[in-house]
Amino acid sequence: GGLVQAGGSLGLSCAASGNIFSSNTLDW
C-alpha cells in the first residue's frame, strides 16, 4: 500500500501461512 496519483498504478501482495487447505478462495 501507499500513496499514488490518480491514473497511476500500485501492486498489493498477500502472503498466507499456516493451515491452508486445498479448497479455498483468496479475495481482496
mmCIF file of all heavy atoms, coordinates in Angstrom:
data_MODEL
# 
_entry.id   MODEL 
# 
loop_
_atom_site.group_PDB 
_atom_site.id 
_atom_site.type_symbol 
_atom_site.label_atom_id 
_atom_site.label_alt_id 
_atom_site.label_comp_id 
_atom_site.label_asym_id 
_atom_site.label_entity_id 
_atom_site.label_seq_id 
_atom_site.pdbx_PDB_ins_code 
_atom_site.Cartn_x 
_atom_site.Cartn_y 
_atom_site.Cartn_z 
_atom_site.occupancy 
_atom_site.B_iso_or_equiv 
_atom_site.pdbx_formal_charge 
_atom_site.auth_seq_id 
_atom_site.auth_comp_id 
_atom_site.auth_asym_id 
_atom_site.auth_atom_id 
_atom_site.pdbx_PDB_model_num 
ATOM 1   N N   . GLY A 1 1  ? 0.812   -1.197  0.000   1.00 0.00 ? 1  GLY A N   1 
ATOM 2   C CA  . GLY A 1 1  ? 0.000   0.000   0.000   1.00 0.00 ? 1  GLY A CA  1 
ATOM 3   C C   . GLY A 1 1  ? 0.849   1.252   0.000   1.00 0.00 ? 1  GLY A C   1 
ATOM 4   O O   . GLY A 1 1  ? 2.042   1.228   0.298   1.00 0.00 ? 1  GLY A O   1 
ATOM 5   N N   . GLY A 1 2  ? 0.211   2.369   -0.342  1.00 0.00 ? 2  GLY A N   1 
ATOM 6   C CA  . GLY A 1 2  ? 0.920   3.630   -0.370  1.00 0.00 ? 2  GLY A CA  1 
ATOM 7   C C   . GLY A 1 2  ? 0.107   4.718   -1.014  1.00 0.00 ? 2  GLY A C   1 
ATOM 8   O O   . GLY A 1 2  ? -1.103  4.590   -1.203  1.00 0.00 ? 2  GLY A O   1 
ATOM 9   N N   . LEU A 1 3  ? 0.781   5.804   -1.355  1.00 0.00 ? 3  LEU A N   1 
ATOM 10  C CA  . LEU A 1 3  ? 0.166   6.972   -1.970  1.00 0.00 ? 3  LEU A CA  1 
ATOM 11  C C   . LEU A 1 3  ? 0.518   7.016   -3.449  1.00 0.00 ? 3  LEU A C   1 
ATOM 12  O O   . LEU A 1 3  ? 1.684   6.871   -3.820  1.00 0.00 ? 3  LEU A O   1 
ATOM 13  C CB  . LEU A 1 3  ? 0.646   8.247   -1.279  1.00 0.00 ? 3  LEU A CB  1 
ATOM 14  C CG  . LEU A 1 3  ? 0.203   9.577   -1.873  1.00 0.00 ? 3  LEU A CG  1 
ATOM 15  C CD1 . LEU A 1 3  ? -1.310  9.732   -1.773  1.00 0.00 ? 3  LEU A CD1 1 
ATOM 16  C CD2 . LEU A 1 3  ? 0.913   10.723  -1.174  1.00 0.00 ? 3  LEU A CD2 1 
ATOM 17  N N   . VAL A 1 4  ? -0.487  7.234   -4.285  1.00 0.00 ? 4  VAL A N   1 
ATOM 18  C CA  . VAL A 1 4  ? -0.279  7.295   -5.724  1.00 0.00 ? 4  VAL A CA  1 
ATOM 19  C C   . VAL A 1 4  ? -1.241  8.319   -6.318  1.00 0.00 ? 4  VAL A C   1 
ATOM 20  O O   . VAL A 1 4  ? -2.337  8.534   -5.795  1.00 0.00 ? 4  VAL A O   1 
ATOM 21  C CB  . VAL A 1 4  ? -0.477  5.905   -6.375  1.00 0.00 ? 4  VAL A CB  1 
ATOM 22  C CG1 . VAL A 1 4  ? -1.916  5.424   -6.203  1.00 0.00 ? 4  VAL A CG1 1 
ATOM 23  C CG2 . VAL A 1 4  ? -0.069  5.916   -7.834  1.00 0.00 ? 4  VAL A CG2 1 
ATOM 24  N N   . GLN A 1 5  ? -0.828  8.969   -7.395  1.00 0.00 ? 5  GLN A N   1 
ATOM 25  C CA  . GLN A 1 5  ? -1.698  9.922   -8.071  1.00 0.00 ? 5  GLN A CA  1 
ATOM 26  C C   . GLN A 1 5  ? -2.736  9.207   -8.927  1.00 0.00 ? 5  GLN A C   1 
ATOM 27  O O   . GLN A 1 5  ? -2.530  8.079   -9.374  1.00 0.00 ? 5  GLN A O   1 
ATOM 28  C CB  . GLN A 1 5  ? -0.881  10.865  -8.947  1.00 0.00 ? 5  GLN A CB  1 
ATOM 29  C CG  . GLN A 1 5  ? -0.059  11.882  -8.183  1.00 0.00 ? 5  GLN A CG  1 
ATOM 30  C CD  . GLN A 1 5  ? 0.535   12.937  -9.095  1.00 0.00 ? 5  GLN A CD  1 
ATOM 31  O OE1 . GLN A 1 5  ? 0.627   12.760  -10.301 1.00 0.00 ? 5  GLN A OE1 1 
ATOM 32  N NE2 . GLN A 1 5  ? 0.943   14.046  -8.508  1.00 0.00 ? 5  GLN A NE2 1 
ATOM 33  N N   . ALA A 1 6  ? -3.857  9.877   -9.126  1.00 0.00 ? 6  ALA A N   1 
ATOM 34  C CA  . ALA A 1 6  ? -4.890  9.334   -9.997  1.00 0.00 ? 6  ALA A CA  1 
ATOM 35  C C   . ALA A 1 6  ? -4.307  8.995   -11.362 1.00 0.00 ? 6  ALA A C   1 
ATOM 36  O O   . ALA A 1 6  ? -3.516  9.759   -11.924 1.00 0.00 ? 6  ALA A O   1 
ATOM 37  C CB  . ALA A 1 6  ? -6.039  10.318  -10.139 1.00 0.00 ? 6  ALA A CB  1 
ATOM 38  N N   . GLY A 1 7  ? -4.708  7.854   -11.883 1.00 0.00 ? 7  GLY A N   1 
ATOM 39  C CA  . GLY A 1 7  ? -4.186  7.370   -13.143 1.00 0.00 ? 7  GLY A CA  1 
ATOM 40  C C   . GLY A 1 7  ? -2.979  6.477   -13.004 1.00 0.00 ? 7  GLY A C   1 
ATOM 41  O O   . GLY A 1 7  ? -2.587  5.813   -13.977 1.00 0.00 ? 7  GLY A O   1 
ATOM 42  N N   . GLY A 1 8  ? -2.399  6.437   -11.823 1.00 0.00 ? 8  GLY A N   1 
ATOM 43  C CA  . GLY A 1 8  ? -1.228  5.625   -11.587 1.00 0.00 ? 8  GLY A CA  1 
ATOM 44  C C   . GLY A 1 8  ? -1.568  4.189   -11.249 1.00 0.00 ? 8  GLY A C   1 
ATOM 45  O O   . GLY A 1 8  ? -2.729  3.775   -11.279 1.00 0.00 ? 8  GLY A O   1 
ATOM 46  N N   . SER A 1 9  ? -0.540  3.441   -10.903 1.00 0.00 ? 9  SER A N   1 
ATOM 47  C CA  . SER A 1 9  ? -0.680  2.026   -10.613 1.00 0.00 ? 9  SER A CA  1 
ATOM 48  C C   . SER A 1 9  ? -0.029  1.685   -9.285  1.00 0.00 ? 9  SER A C   1 
ATOM 49  O O   . SER A 1 9  ? 0.869   2.386   -8.808  1.00 0.00 ? 9  SER A O   1 
ATOM 50  C CB  . SER A 1 9  ? -0.048  1.174   -11.722 1.00 0.00 ? 9  SER A CB  1 
ATOM 51  O OG  . SER A 1 9  ? -0.669  1.391   -12.968 1.00 0.00 ? 9  SER A OG  1 
ATOM 52  N N   . LEU A 1 10 ? -0.476  0.588   -8.714  1.00 0.00 ? 10 LEU A N   1 
ATOM 53  C CA  . LEU A 1 10 ? 0.044   0.102   -7.450  1.00 0.00 ? 10 LEU A CA  1 
ATOM 54  C C   . LEU A 1 10 ? -0.140  -1.410  -7.399  1.00 0.00 ? 10 LEU A C   1 
ATOM 55  O O   . LEU A 1 10 ? -1.125  -1.934  -7.933  1.00 0.00 ? 10 LEU A O   1 
ATOM 56  C CB  . LEU A 1 10 ? -0.685  0.767   -6.287  1.00 0.00 ? 10 LEU A CB  1 
ATOM 57  C CG  . LEU A 1 10 ? -0.023  0.777   -4.907  1.00 0.00 ? 10 LEU A CG  1 
ATOM 58  C CD1 . LEU A 1 10 ? 1.270   1.584   -4.933  1.00 0.00 ? 10 LEU A CD1 1 
ATOM 59  C CD2 . LEU A 1 10 ? -0.985  1.361   -3.882  1.00 0.00 ? 10 LEU A CD2 1 
ATOM 60  N N   . GLY A 1 11 ? 0.782   -2.096  -6.770  1.00 0.00 ? 11 GLY A N   1 
ATOM 61  C CA  . GLY A 1 11 ? 0.680   -3.533  -6.613  1.00 0.00 ? 11 GLY A CA  1 
ATOM 62  C C   . GLY A 1 11 ? 0.620   -3.933  -5.155  1.00 0.00 ? 11 GLY A C   1 
ATOM 63  O O   . GLY A 1 11 ? 1.440   -3.490  -4.354  1.00 0.00 ? 11 GLY A O   1 
ATOM 64  N N   . LEU A 1 12 ? -0.353  -4.767  -4.812  1.00 0.00 ? 12 LEU A N   1 
ATOM 65  C CA  . LEU A 1 12 ? -0.508  -5.273  -3.462  1.00 0.00 ? 12 LEU A CA  1 
ATOM 66  C C   . LEU A 1 12 ? -0.203  -6.768  -3.440  1.00 0.00 ? 12 LEU A C   1 
ATOM 67  O O   . LEU A 1 12 ? -0.479  -7.480  -4.409  1.00 0.00 ? 12 LEU A O   1 
ATOM 68  C CB  . LEU A 1 12 ? -1.924  -5.048  -2.935  1.00 0.00 ? 12 LEU A CB  1 
ATOM 69  C CG  . LEU A 1 12 ? -2.483  -3.627  -2.987  1.00 0.00 ? 12 LEU A CG  1 
ATOM 70  C CD1 . LEU A 1 12 ? -3.897  -3.609  -2.424  1.00 0.00 ? 12 LEU A CD1 1 
ATOM 71  C CD2 . LEU A 1 12 ? -1.581  -2.662  -2.244  1.00 0.00 ? 12 LEU A CD2 1 
ATOM 72  N N   . SER A 1 13 ? 0.344   -7.234  -2.342  1.00 0.00 ? 13 SER A N   1 
ATOM 73  C CA  . SER A 1 13 ? 0.635   -8.648  -2.174  1.00 0.00 ? 13 SER A CA  1 
ATOM 74  C C   . SER A 1 13 ? 0.137   -9.123  -0.828  1.00 0.00 ? 13 SER A C   1 
ATOM 75  O O   . SER A 1 13 ? 0.055   -8.349  0.129   1.00 0.00 ? 13 SER A O   1 
ATOM 76  C CB  . SER A 1 13 ? 2.140   -8.913  -2.292  1.00 0.00 ? 13 SER A CB  1 
ATOM 77  O OG  . SER A 1 13 ? 2.622   -8.613  -3.576  1.00 0.00 ? 13 SER A OG  1 
ATOM 78  N N   . CYS A 1 14 ? -0.182  -10.403 -0.745  1.00 0.00 ? 14 CYS A N   1 
ATOM 79  C CA  . CYS A 1 14 ? -0.624  -11.019 0.490   1.00 0.00 ? 14 CYS A CA  1 
ATOM 80  C C   . CYS A 1 14 ? -0.010  -12.400 0.588   1.00 0.00 ? 14 CYS A C   1 
ATOM 81  O O   . CYS A 1 14 ? -0.146  -13.209 -0.334  1.00 0.00 ? 14 CYS A O   1 
ATOM 82  C CB  . CYS A 1 14 ? -2.152  -11.113 0.536   1.00 0.00 ? 14 CYS A CB  1 
ATOM 83  S SG  . CYS A 1 14 ? -2.814  -12.052 1.931   1.00 0.00 ? 14 CYS A SG  1 
ATOM 84  N N   . ALA A 1 15 ? 0.646   -12.658 1.696   1.00 0.00 ? 15 ALA A N   1 
ATOM 85  C CA  . ALA A 1 15 ? 1.245   -13.956 1.958   1.00 0.00 ? 15 ALA A CA  1 
ATOM 86  C C   . ALA A 1 15 ? 0.431   -14.684 3.018   1.00 0.00 ? 15 ALA A C   1 
ATOM 87  O O   . ALA A 1 15 ? 0.220   -14.153 4.107   1.00 0.00 ? 15 ALA A O   1 
ATOM 88  C CB  . ALA A 1 15 ? 2.689   -13.788 2.415   1.00 0.00 ? 15 ALA A CB  1 
ATOM 89  N N   . ALA A 1 16 ? -0.020  -15.874 2.686   1.00 0.00 ? 16 ALA A N   1 
ATOM 90  C CA  . ALA A 1 16 ? -0.782  -16.706 3.608   1.00 0.00 ? 16 ALA A CA  1 
ATOM 91  C C   . ALA A 1 16 ? 0.103   -17.814 4.156   1.00 0.00 ? 16 ALA A C   1 
ATOM 92  O O   . ALA A 1 16 ? 0.869   -18.433 3.418   1.00 0.00 ? 16 ALA A O   1 
ATOM 93  C CB  . ALA A 1 16 ? -2.001  -17.313 2.917   1.00 0.00 ? 16 ALA A CB  1 
ATOM 94  N N   . SER A 1 17 ? -0.014  -18.057 5.437   1.00 0.00 ? 17 SER A N   1 
ATOM 95  C CA  . SER A 1 17 ? 0.762   -19.114 6.066   1.00 0.00 ? 17 SER A CA  1 
ATOM 96  C C   . SER A 1 17 ? -0.094  -19.831 7.097   1.00 0.00 ? 17 SER A C   1 
ATOM 97  O O   . SER A 1 17 ? -1.135  -19.331 7.517   1.00 0.00 ? 17 SER A O   1 
ATOM 98  C CB  . SER A 1 17 ? 2.037   -18.557 6.701   1.00 0.00 ? 17 SER A CB  1 
ATOM 99  O OG  . SER A 1 17 ? 1.732   -17.628 7.727   1.00 0.00 ? 17 SER A OG  1 
ATOM 100 N N   . GLY A 1 18 ? 0.353   -20.989 7.512   1.00 0.00 ? 18 GLY A N   1 
ATOM 101 C CA  . GLY A 1 18 ? -0.393  -21.801 8.456   1.00 0.00 ? 18 GLY A CA  1 
ATOM 102 C C   . GLY A 1 18 ? -1.105  -22.949 7.763   1.00 0.00 ? 18 GLY A C   1 
ATOM 103 O O   . GLY A 1 18 ? -0.615  -23.499 6.779   1.00 0.00 ? 18 GLY A O   1 
ATOM 104 N N   . ASN A 1 19 ? -2.264  -23.296 8.265   1.00 0.00 ? 19 ASN A N   1 
ATOM 105 C CA  . ASN A 1 19 ? -3.026  -24.425 7.735   1.00 0.00 ? 19 ASN A CA  1 
ATOM 106 C C   . ASN A 1 19 ? -3.899  -23.977 6.572   1.00 0.00 ? 19 ASN A C   1 
ATOM 107 O O   . ASN A 1 19 ? -5.066  -23.623 6.753   1.00 0.00 ? 19 ASN A O   1 
ATOM 108 C CB  . ASN A 1 19 ? -3.874  -25.054 8.838   1.00 0.00 ? 19 ASN A CB  1 
ATOM 109 C CG  . ASN A 1 19 ? -3.039  -25.665 9.943   1.00 0.00 ? 19 ASN A CG  1 
ATOM 110 O OD1 . ASN A 1 19 ? -1.963  -26.198 9.695   1.00 0.00 ? 19 ASN A OD1 1 
ATOM 111 N ND2 . ASN A 1 19 ? -3.522  -25.589 11.169  1.00 0.00 ? 19 ASN A ND2 1 
ATOM 112 N N   . ILE A 1 20 ? -3.310  -24.002 5.384   1.00 0.00 ? 20 ILE A N   1 
ATOM 113 C CA  . ILE A 1 20 ? -4.021  -23.635 4.167   1.00 0.00 ? 20 ILE A CA  1 
ATOM 114 C C   . ILE A 1 20 ? -4.480  -24.911 3.474   1.00 0.00 ? 20 ILE A C   1 
ATOM 115 O O   . ILE A 1 20 ? -3.654  -25.737 3.080   1.00 0.00 ? 20 ILE A O   1 
ATOM 116 C CB  . ILE A 1 20 ? -3.138  -22.807 3.225   1.00 0.00 ? 20 ILE A CB  1 
ATOM 117 C CG1 . ILE A 1 20 ? -2.476  -21.654 3.984   1.00 0.00 ? 20 ILE A CG1 1 
ATOM 118 C CG2 . ILE A 1 20 ? -3.968  -22.306 2.052   1.00 0.00 ? 20 ILE A CG2 1 
ATOM 119 C CD1 . ILE A 1 20 ? -3.451  -20.707 4.634   1.00 0.00 ? 20 ILE A CD1 1 
ATOM 120 N N   . PHE A 1 21 ? -5.783  -25.067 3.303   1.00 0.00 ? 21 PHE A N   1 
ATOM 121 C CA  . PHE A 1 21 ? -6.341  -26.252 2.679   1.00 0.00 ? 21 PHE A CA  1 
ATOM 122 C C   . PHE A 1 21 ? -6.589  -26.017 1.195   1.00 0.00 ? 21 PHE A C   1 
ATOM 123 O O   . PHE A 1 21 ? -6.640  -24.878 0.731   1.00 0.00 ? 21 PHE A O   1 
ATOM 124 C CB  . PHE A 1 21 ? -7.637  -26.665 3.388   1.00 0.00 ? 21 PHE A CB  1 
ATOM 125 C CG  . PHE A 1 21 ? -7.457  -26.929 4.853   1.00 0.00 ? 21 PHE A CG  1 
ATOM 126 C CD1 . PHE A 1 21 ? -8.048  -26.115 5.801   1.00 0.00 ? 21 PHE A CD1 1 
ATOM 127 C CD2 . PHE A 1 21 ? -6.678  -27.992 5.285   1.00 0.00 ? 21 PHE A CD2 1 
ATOM 128 C CE1 . PHE A 1 21 ? -7.884  -26.349 7.151   1.00 0.00 ? 21 PHE A CE1 1 
ATOM 129 C CE2 . PHE A 1 21 ? -6.499  -28.243 6.637   1.00 0.00 ? 21 PHE A CE2 1 
ATOM 130 C CZ  . PHE A 1 21 ? -7.107  -27.414 7.573   1.00 0.00 ? 21 PHE A CZ  1 
ATOM 131 N N   . SER A 1 22 ? -6.743  -27.109 0.463   1.00 0.00 ? 22 SER A N   1 
ATOM 132 C CA  . SER A 1 22 ? -6.827  -27.022 -0.990  1.00 0.00 ? 22 SER A CA  1 
ATOM 133 C C   . SER A 1 22 ? -8.109  -26.359 -1.469  1.00 0.00 ? 22 SER A C   1 
ATOM 134 O O   . SER A 1 22 ? -8.110  -25.712 -2.521  1.00 0.00 ? 22 SER A O   1 
ATOM 135 C CB  . SER A 1 22 ? -6.691  -28.404 -1.615  1.00 0.00 ? 22 SER A CB  1 
ATOM 136 O OG  . SER A 1 22 ? -7.719  -29.270 -1.163  1.00 0.00 ? 22 SER A OG  1 
ATOM 137 N N   . SER A 1 23 ? -9.193  -26.524 -0.735  1.00 0.00 ? 23 SER A N   1 
ATOM 138 C CA  . SER A 1 23 ? -10.463 -25.925 -1.117  1.00 0.00 ? 23 SER A CA  1 
ATOM 139 C C   . SER A 1 23 ? -10.551 -24.529 -0.513  1.00 0.00 ? 23 SER A C   1 
ATOM 140 O O   . SER A 1 23 ? -10.972 -24.365 0.635   1.00 0.00 ? 23 SER A O   1 
ATOM 141 C CB  . SER A 1 23 ? -11.628 -26.794 -0.653  1.00 0.00 ? 23 SER A CB  1 
ATOM 142 O OG  . SER A 1 23 ? -12.875 -26.223 -1.019  1.00 0.00 ? 23 SER A OG  1 
ATOM 143 N N   . ASN A 1 24 ? -10.151 -23.544 -1.296  1.00 0.00 ? 24 ASN A N   1 
ATOM 144 C CA  . ASN A 1 24 ? -10.143 -22.201 -0.746  1.00 0.00 ? 24 ASN A CA  1 
ATOM 145 C C   . ASN A 1 24 ? -10.291 -21.156 -1.835  1.00 0.00 ? 24 ASN A C   1 
ATOM 146 O O   . ASN A 1 24 ? -10.045 -21.419 -3.019  1.00 0.00 ? 24 ASN A O   1 
ATOM 147 C CB  . ASN A 1 24 ? -8.875  -21.926 0.071   1.00 0.00 ? 24 ASN A CB  1 
ATOM 148 C CG  . ASN A 1 24 ? -7.633  -21.767 -0.784  1.00 0.00 ? 24 ASN A CG  1 
ATOM 149 O OD1 . ASN A 1 24 ? -7.469  -20.736 -1.465  1.00 0.00 ? 24 ASN A OD1 1 
ATOM 150 N ND2 . ASN A 1 24 ? -6.758  -22.753 -0.753  1.00 0.00 ? 24 ASN A ND2 1 
ATOM 151 N N   . THR A 1 25 ? -10.681 -19.994 -1.400  1.00 0.00 ? 25 THR A N   1 
ATOM 152 C CA  . THR A 1 25 ? -10.744 -18.819 -2.248  1.00 0.00 ? 25 THR A CA  1 
ATOM 153 C C   . THR A 1 25 ? -9.985  -17.697 -1.559  1.00 0.00 ? 25 THR A C   1 
ATOM 154 O O   . THR A 1 25 ? -10.130 -17.496 -0.348  1.00 0.00 ? 25 THR A O   1 
ATOM 155 C CB  . THR A 1 25 ? -12.192 -18.382 -2.506  1.00 0.00 ? 25 THR A CB  1 
ATOM 156 O OG1 . THR A 1 25 ? -12.900 -19.439 -3.150  1.00 0.00 ? 25 THR A OG1 1 
ATOM 157 C CG2 . THR A 1 25 ? -12.238 -17.141 -3.382  1.00 0.00 ? 25 THR A CG2 1 
ATOM 158 N N   . LEU A 1 26 ? -9.177  -16.991 -2.307  1.00 0.00 ? 26 LEU A N   1 
ATOM 159 C CA  . LEU A 1 26 ? -8.472  -15.819 -1.807  1.00 0.00 ? 26 LEU A CA  1 
ATOM 160 C C   . LEU A 1 26 ? -9.094  -14.580 -2.424  1.00 0.00 ? 26 LEU A C   1 
ATOM 161 O O   . LEU A 1 26 ? -9.375  -14.549 -3.622  1.00 0.00 ? 26 LEU A O   1 
ATOM 162 C CB  . LEU A 1 26 ? -6.984  -15.890 -2.135  1.00 0.00 ? 26 LEU A CB  1 
ATOM 163 C CG  . LEU A 1 26 ? -6.166  -16.846 -1.268  1.00 0.00 ? 26 LEU A CG  1 
ATOM 164 C CD1 . LEU A 1 26 ? -4.810  -17.116 -1.898  1.00 0.00 ? 26 LEU A CD1 1 
ATOM 165 C CD2 . LEU A 1 26 ? -5.993  -16.281 0.143   1.00 0.00 ? 26 LEU A CD2 1 
ATOM 166 N N   . ASP A 1 27 ? -9.291  -13.573 -1.594  1.00 0.00 ? 27 ASP A N   1 
ATOM 167 C CA  . ASP A 1 27 ? -10.025 -12.392 -2.008  1.00 0.00 ? 27 ASP A CA  1 
ATOM 168 C C   . ASP A 1 27 ? -9.320  -11.122 -1.556  1.00 0.00 ? 27 ASP A C   1 
ATOM 169 O O   . ASP A 1 27 ? -8.524  -11.127 -0.615  1.00 0.00 ? 27 ASP A O   1 
ATOM 170 C CB  . ASP A 1 27 ? -11.439 -12.385 -1.405  1.00 0.00 ? 27 ASP A CB  1 
ATOM 171 C CG  . ASP A 1 27 ? -12.116 -13.733 -1.475  1.00 0.00 ? 27 ASP A CG  1 
ATOM 172 O OD1 . ASP A 1 27 ? -12.373 -14.203 -2.602  1.00 0.00 ? 27 ASP A OD1 1 
ATOM 173 O OD2 . ASP A 1 27 ? -12.394 -14.316 -0.396  1.00 0.00 ? 27 ASP A OD2 1 
ATOM 174 N N   . TRP A 1 28 ? -9.654  -10.038 -2.230  1.00 0.00 ? 28 TRP A N   1 
ATOM 175 C CA  . TRP A 1 28 ? -9.293  -8.709  -1.775  1.00 0.00 ? 28 TRP A CA  1 
ATOM 176 C C   . TRP A 1 28 ? -10.564 -7.927  -1.498  1.00 0.00 ? 28 TRP A C   1 
ATOM 177 O O   . TRP A 1 28 ? -11.459 -7.863  -2.348  1.00 0.00 ? 28 TRP A O   1 
ATOM 178 C CB  . TRP A 1 28 ? -8.441  -7.961  -2.808  1.00 0.00 ? 28 TRP A CB  1 
ATOM 179 C CG  . TRP A 1 28 ? -7.033  -8.442  -2.881  1.00 0.00 ? 28 TRP A CG  1 
ATOM 180 C CD1 . TRP A 1 28 ? -6.509  -9.321  -3.768  1.00 0.00 ? 28 TRP A CD1 1 
ATOM 181 C CD2 . TRP A 1 28 ? -5.961  -8.044  -2.023  1.00 0.00 ? 28 TRP A CD2 1 
ATOM 182 N NE1 . TRP A 1 28 ? -5.173  -9.507  -3.529  1.00 0.00 ? 28 TRP A NE1 1 
ATOM 183 C CE2 . TRP A 1 28 ? -4.808  -8.738  -2.457  1.00 0.00 ? 28 TRP A CE2 1 
ATOM 184 C CE3 . TRP A 1 28 ? -5.854  -7.179  -0.931  1.00 0.00 ? 28 TRP A CE3 1 
ATOM 185 C CZ2 . TRP A 1 28 ? -3.565  -8.587  -1.835  1.00 0.00 ? 28 TRP A CZ2 1 
ATOM 186 C CZ3 . TRP A 1 28 ? -4.615  -7.033  -0.310  1.00 0.00 ? 28 TRP A CZ3 1 
ATOM 187 C CH2 . TRP A 1 28 ? -3.499  -7.732  -0.771  1.00 0.00 ? 28 TRP A CH2 1 
# 
